[in-house]
Protein backbone atom coordinates (compact mmCIF):
# COMPACT_ATOMS: atom_id res chain seq x y z
CA MET A 1 9.78 2.77 -84.05
CA GLY A 2 8.82 3.53 -87.76
CA THR A 3 11.84 3.57 -89.98
CA PHE A 4 14.17 3.66 -87.09
CA THR A 5 14.60 -0.10 -87.05
CA LEU A 6 16.26 -2.18 -84.25
CA SER A 7 19.14 -3.20 -86.75
CA LYS A 8 19.79 0.45 -87.19
CA THR A 9 19.77 1.05 -83.37
CA ASN A 10 22.02 -1.73 -82.89
CA ARG A 11 24.45 -0.37 -85.43
CA LEU A 12 24.50 3.00 -84.07
CA PHE A 13 25.03 1.83 -80.51
CA TRP A 14 27.89 -0.36 -81.54
CA LEU A 15 29.53 2.27 -83.61
CA GLY A 16 29.88 4.39 -80.59
CA ARG A 17 31.13 1.43 -78.47
CA TYR A 18 33.74 0.46 -81.04
CA VAL A 19 34.82 4.00 -81.57
CA GLU A 20 35.37 4.61 -77.83
CA ARG A 21 37.06 1.22 -77.25
CA THR A 22 39.54 2.03 -80.09
CA TYR A 23 40.23 5.45 -78.65
CA ILE A 24 40.69 4.23 -74.95
CA ALA A 25 42.75 1.12 -76.05
CA ILE A 26 45.21 3.39 -77.88
CA GLU A 27 45.46 5.79 -75.01
CA LEU A 28 46.00 3.12 -72.41
CA MET A 29 48.73 1.46 -74.64
CA GLU A 30 50.53 4.76 -75.25
CA LYS A 31 50.70 5.09 -71.46
CA ALA A 32 51.94 1.50 -70.96
CA TYR A 33 54.59 1.84 -73.77
CA ASP A 34 55.85 5.01 -72.11
CA GLU A 35 55.96 3.73 -68.67
CA SER A 36 57.64 0.31 -69.61
CA ILE A 37 60.56 2.34 -71.14
CA ASP A 38 62.08 3.20 -67.74
CA GLY A 39 59.96 1.04 -65.63
CA PRO A 40 58.68 -2.45 -65.08
CA ALA A 41 57.10 -4.54 -68.13
CA PHE A 42 53.45 -3.96 -68.53
CA ASP A 43 51.41 -6.53 -66.74
CA TYR A 44 49.28 -7.54 -69.81
CA ALA A 45 48.13 -10.59 -68.15
CA THR A 46 46.09 -8.67 -65.59
CA TYR A 47 44.91 -6.18 -68.15
CA CYS A 48 43.44 -8.98 -70.29
CA ASP A 49 42.00 -10.80 -67.29
CA ARG A 50 40.06 -7.52 -66.38
CA LEU A 51 38.72 -7.25 -69.86
CA SER A 52 37.88 -10.85 -69.85
CA ILE A 53 39.87 -11.49 -72.98
CA PRO A 54 42.45 -14.30 -73.72
CA ALA A 55 46.21 -13.42 -72.65
CA ASP A 56 47.76 -15.68 -75.20
CA TYR A 57 50.88 -13.61 -75.92
CA ARG A 58 54.58 -14.40 -75.83
CA ASP A 59 55.72 -11.27 -74.16
CA VAL A 60 54.93 -7.62 -73.85
CA ASP A 61 56.05 -6.74 -77.21
CA HIS A 62 53.93 -9.45 -78.72
CA PHE A 63 51.05 -8.21 -76.76
CA LEU A 64 51.50 -4.57 -77.67
CA SER A 65 51.77 -5.32 -81.37
CA SER A 66 48.92 -7.77 -81.70
CA TYR A 67 46.42 -5.76 -79.28
CA LEU A 68 46.99 -2.67 -81.14
CA PHE A 69 47.54 -3.64 -84.85
CA ASP A 70 46.60 -7.30 -85.64
CA ALA A 71 43.26 -7.30 -87.55
CA LYS A 72 43.04 -11.13 -86.99
CA ASN A 73 42.89 -10.58 -83.19
CA PRO A 74 39.29 -10.10 -82.38
CA ASP A 75 40.28 -8.09 -79.24
CA SER A 76 42.66 -5.63 -80.97
CA ALA A 77 42.07 -1.98 -81.44
CA THR A 78 42.43 -2.47 -85.17
CA SER A 79 39.57 -4.93 -85.02
CA ALA A 80 37.32 -2.60 -82.99
CA LEU A 81 38.17 0.23 -85.52
CA ASN A 82 37.27 -2.03 -88.40
CA MET A 83 34.06 -2.95 -86.77
CA ALA A 84 33.25 0.64 -86.33
CA PHE A 85 33.93 1.35 -90.00
CA ASP A 86 31.78 -1.51 -91.01
CA ASN A 87 28.82 -0.11 -89.27
CA ALA A 88 29.58 3.43 -90.32
CA VAL A 89 29.61 2.47 -93.92
CA VAL A 90 26.07 0.94 -93.57
CA LEU A 91 24.99 4.01 -91.81
CA ARG A 92 26.30 6.48 -94.35
CA GLU A 93 23.01 8.22 -94.94
CA THR A 94 22.42 8.85 -91.31
CA LEU A 95 25.84 9.85 -90.52
CA GLY A 96 26.66 12.02 -93.58
CA SER A 97 29.80 11.73 -95.72
CA MET A 98 31.98 14.11 -93.71
CA THR A 99 31.28 12.21 -90.38
CA LEU A 100 31.98 8.81 -92.10
CA SER A 101 35.36 10.24 -93.63
CA TYR A 102 36.81 10.62 -90.28
CA ILE A 103 36.33 6.82 -89.41
CA GLN A 104 37.79 6.05 -92.94
CA LEU A 105 40.87 8.34 -92.35
CA ALA A 106 41.53 6.80 -88.97
CA LYS A 107 41.21 3.26 -90.53
CA ASN A 108 43.71 4.23 -93.18
CA VAL A 109 46.29 5.57 -90.44
CA MET A 110 45.75 2.50 -88.37
CA ASP A 111 46.21 0.25 -91.36
CA GLY A 112 49.48 1.91 -92.20
CA ALA A 113 50.84 2.08 -88.56
CA VAL A 114 51.60 -1.63 -88.45
CA ILE A 115 54.51 -0.95 -90.92
CA SER A 116 55.31 2.48 -89.77
CA MET A 117 58.69 3.67 -88.47
CA ALA A 118 56.73 5.73 -85.99
CA PRO A 119 53.59 3.85 -85.01
CA MET A 120 52.93 5.74 -81.71
CA LEU A 121 52.78 8.89 -83.67
CA ASP A 122 50.30 7.45 -86.09
CA LEU A 123 48.12 6.26 -83.19
CA GLN A 124 47.86 9.88 -82.03
CA THR A 125 46.79 10.70 -85.29
CA VAL A 126 44.08 7.95 -85.27
CA GLN A 127 42.85 9.41 -81.92
CA ASP A 128 42.66 12.96 -83.55
CA TYR A 129 40.47 11.58 -86.38
CA LEU A 130 38.29 9.73 -83.88
CA MET A 131 37.84 12.93 -81.90
CA ALA A 132 36.85 14.78 -85.20
CA PHE A 133 34.30 12.07 -85.78
CA LYS A 134 32.83 12.64 -82.29
CA GLY A 135 32.52 16.35 -83.13
CA CYS A 136 30.93 15.64 -86.51
CA VAL A 137 28.35 13.22 -84.77
CA ASP A 138 27.40 16.36 -82.70
CA ASP A 139 27.34 18.79 -85.48
CA PHE A 140 26.03 16.83 -88.53
CA VAL A 141 23.92 13.91 -87.35
CA GLN A 142 20.61 15.77 -87.59
CA ASP A 143 18.22 13.07 -86.07
CA GLU A 144 18.44 13.39 -82.36
CA ASN A 145 17.72 9.71 -81.73
CA SER A 146 20.53 8.53 -84.05
CA ARG A 147 23.02 10.90 -82.36
CA MET A 148 22.10 9.82 -79.07
CA CYS A 149 22.38 6.07 -79.89
CA VAL A 150 26.06 6.69 -80.81
CA LYS A 151 26.72 8.79 -77.81
CA ILE A 152 24.97 6.21 -75.55
CA GLY A 153 27.31 3.53 -76.97
CA MET A 154 30.40 5.70 -76.42
CA THR A 155 29.39 6.47 -72.95
CA ALA A 156 28.55 2.89 -72.10
CA GLU A 157 31.96 1.79 -73.36
CA ARG A 158 33.87 4.40 -71.45
CA ILE A 159 31.99 3.34 -68.23
CA ASP A 160 32.69 -0.25 -68.93
CA MET A 161 36.40 0.14 -69.51
CA SER A 162 36.73 2.49 -66.61
CA LEU A 163 35.04 0.08 -64.07
CA ARG A 164 37.17 -2.76 -65.51
CA LEU A 165 40.55 -1.10 -65.80
CA ASP A 166 40.36 1.63 -63.03
CA TYR A 167 40.58 4.19 -66.00
CA LYS A 168 39.81 7.79 -65.04
CA THR A 169 37.48 6.62 -62.28
CA THR A 170 37.14 10.04 -60.81
CA ASP A 171 35.00 10.93 -63.84
CA LEU A 172 32.67 7.91 -63.51
CA GLN A 173 29.89 9.82 -61.62
CA VAL A 174 29.81 12.33 -64.59
CA HIS A 175 29.75 9.57 -67.07
CA PHE A 176 26.91 7.69 -65.41
CA GLU A 177 24.85 11.03 -65.21
CA ARG A 178 25.56 11.64 -68.90
CA LEU A 179 24.39 8.15 -69.78
CA LEU A 180 21.15 8.57 -67.93
CA SER A 181 20.63 11.93 -69.56
CA ARG A 182 21.16 10.61 -72.89
CA LEU A 183 18.97 7.67 -72.27
CA ARG A 184 16.04 9.95 -71.36
CA ARG A 185 16.50 11.60 -74.90
CA SER A 186 16.64 8.55 -76.93
CA LYS A 187 14.28 5.78 -77.94
CA ILE A 188 16.92 3.09 -77.74
CA PRO A 189 15.62 -0.02 -76.07
CA ARG A 190 16.45 -0.56 -72.43
CA ASP A 191 15.74 -2.75 -69.66
CA GLY A 192 13.65 -1.04 -67.24
CA LYS A 193 14.60 -3.03 -64.24
CA GLN A 194 18.27 -2.48 -64.89
CA LEU A 195 17.70 1.10 -65.64
CA GLN A 196 16.20 1.55 -62.13
CA LEU A 197 19.00 -0.43 -60.57
CA LEU A 198 21.30 1.98 -62.15
CA LEU A 199 19.57 4.95 -60.79
CA ASP A 200 19.70 3.48 -57.39
CA LEU A 201 23.36 2.70 -57.51
CA VAL A 202 24.80 5.84 -59.25
CA PRO A 203 24.08 8.50 -56.51
CA SER A 204 27.13 7.00 -54.43
CA SER A 205 30.12 8.42 -52.85
CA ASN A 206 32.10 5.40 -54.03
CA ILE A 207 30.82 3.87 -57.26
CA LEU A 208 33.57 1.46 -57.32
CA GLN A 209 32.27 -0.43 -54.40
CA ASN A 210 29.51 -1.41 -56.78
CA ARG A 211 31.78 -2.36 -59.51
CA GLU A 212 30.66 -5.90 -60.40
CA ILE A 213 27.00 -5.07 -59.89
CA LEU A 214 27.29 -2.04 -62.24
CA LEU A 215 29.14 -4.00 -64.96
CA GLU A 216 26.49 -6.66 -64.84
CA CYS A 217 23.72 -3.98 -64.92
CA LEU A 218 25.46 -2.27 -68.05
CA GLU A 219 25.56 -5.74 -69.93
CA LYS A 220 21.93 -6.22 -69.30
CA LEU A 221 20.74 -2.71 -69.71
CA PHE A 222 20.68 -2.90 -73.59
CA PRO A 223 19.00 -6.40 -74.20
CA ASP A 224 18.87 -5.76 -77.97
CA ALA A 225 22.34 -4.57 -78.39
């Protein structure tokens, strides 16, 4: 792989995953917050179970606060964003200063949202900065393999959360096709057996019928990640 090391590949891939994880977690919690105002309390226990994370929270309010803002909670959106930032700093030369700056801005807003009078508005700003980061990856990361590694990470995370949480499942076919296209354009290590399984399963009228198999396939597809 020349100077494109396994460590760098890993960081690029997980940068993409953590960015997408943060973005989707915020989107889902904004929806949960809005729906719980006039409707039943959010079923956070089922949500956690589907993500295979602990549900050790006192109540819905404690869950929302911790899951979004608690940097000591390894499953929180804040922790995911912090991990994205840590990877981005190491990858500064690959990403460029402008691309990195949007992760920094998102992190700054997220850090301040925990004491904000309007945290939900701050979370929308975090999402805006993350979208700007994605645009910069497209425009300013010149090395195609580096760019594809980040985007593969983003797509893999979106598929994973979609399958687990029934999140925008009508777009799953498109996301799988996008993942396969990006894999063809990258040098990221992948398990050939799992890739073939993915190719066999994706052209399906109902991807959700193969939910568990696809989740396992995704987990094993990137053996070095």
